[in-house]
């Protein structure tokens, strides 16, 4: 699996967890203190999030960072 595939799966996992928590992109972006545009692009694998963003997203979702990578 190459990095592009990894980021695609990461984006899908973030979207899955967001929807599981019944959060809109707007609400998650607000909670994570990132822009709505940035979050949307992460979910569709246009942007590759850095470590700080991943920590913010995980905290906003109420999960551990490693849970974001629980897609294999």
Protein backbone atom coordinates (compact mmCIF):
# COMPACT_ATOMS: atom_id res chain seq x y z
CA UNK A 1 0.00 0.00 0.00
CA UNK A 2 1.46 3.37 -0.99
CA UNK A 3 1.13 6.67 0.86
CA UNK A 4 -1.70 7.91 -1.35
CA UNK A 5 -3.77 4.87 -0.43
CA UNK A 6 -2.94 5.40 3.24
CA UNK A 7 -4.18 9.00 3.11
CA UNK A 8 -7.33 7.91 1.26
CA UNK A 9 -8.09 5.38 4.00
CA UNK A 10 -7.27 7.94 6.69
CA UNK A 11 -9.72 10.43 5.15
CA UNK A 12 -12.43 7.79 4.93
CA UNK A 13 -11.82 6.77 8.55
CA UNK A 14 -12.09 10.37 9.76
CA UNK A 15 -15.34 10.76 7.83
CA UNK A 16 -16.64 7.45 9.22
CA UNK A 17 -15.84 8.46 12.81
CA UNK A 18 -17.34 11.92 12.26
CA UNK A 19 -20.57 10.46 10.93
CA UNK A 20 -20.63 7.84 13.69
CA UNK A 21 -20.52 10.71 16.21
CA UNK A 22 -23.27 12.45 14.20
CA UNK A 23 -21.12 15.51 13.59
CA UNK A 24 -21.23 17.71 10.53
CA UNK A 25 -18.01 18.76 8.89
CA UNK A 26 -18.70 22.26 10.18
CA UNK A 27 -19.05 21.09 13.78
CA UNK A 28 -15.95 18.89 13.68
CA UNK A 29 -13.87 21.63 12.07
CA UNK A 30 -15.02 24.06 14.75
CA UNK A 31 -14.23 21.62 17.58
CA UNK A 32 -10.84 20.76 16.07
CA UNK A 33 -10.04 24.42 15.43
CA UNK A 34 -9.27 23.79 11.75
CA UNK A 35 -10.94 25.24 8.69
CA UNK A 36 -13.96 23.57 7.15
CA UNK A 37 -12.21 23.61 3.77
CA UNK A 38 -9.15 21.85 5.21
CA UNK A 39 -11.25 19.14 6.89
CA UNK A 40 -13.25 18.54 3.73
CA UNK A 41 -10.06 18.15 1.71
CA UNK A 42 -8.65 15.72 4.28
CA UNK A 43 -11.75 13.55 4.01
CA UNK A 44 -11.43 13.32 0.21
CA UNK A 45 -7.62 12.95 0.28
CA UNK A 46 -6.74 16.25 -1.36
CA UNK A 47 -4.86 17.46 1.74
CA UNK A 48 -2.52 15.33 3.81
CA UNK A 49 -2.90 16.31 7.47
CA UNK A 50 0.08 16.87 9.71
CA UNK A 51 0.51 15.47 13.18
CA UNK A 52 -0.89 18.54 14.97
CA UNK A 53 -4.04 18.42 12.84
CA UNK A 54 -4.46 14.71 13.52
CA UNK A 55 -4.23 15.31 17.27
CA UNK A 56 -6.81 18.10 17.02
CA UNK A 57 -9.18 15.96 14.97
CA UNK A 58 -8.81 12.97 17.29
CA UNK A 59 -9.45 15.11 20.35
CA UNK A 60 -12.51 16.70 18.72
CA UNK A 61 -13.85 13.23 17.89
CA UNK A 62 -13.12 11.92 21.38
CA UNK A 63 -10.84 9.16 20.08
CA UNK A 64 -7.14 8.34 20.24
CA UNK A 65 -4.92 9.29 17.31
CA UNK A 66 -4.27 5.62 16.67
CA UNK A 67 -8.03 5.13 16.17
CA UNK A 68 -7.78 7.35 13.10
CA UNK A 69 -5.52 4.70 11.60
CA UNK A 70 -7.70 1.74 12.50
CA UNK A 71 -8.64 1.01 8.90
CA UNK A 72 -6.67 -2.10 8.04
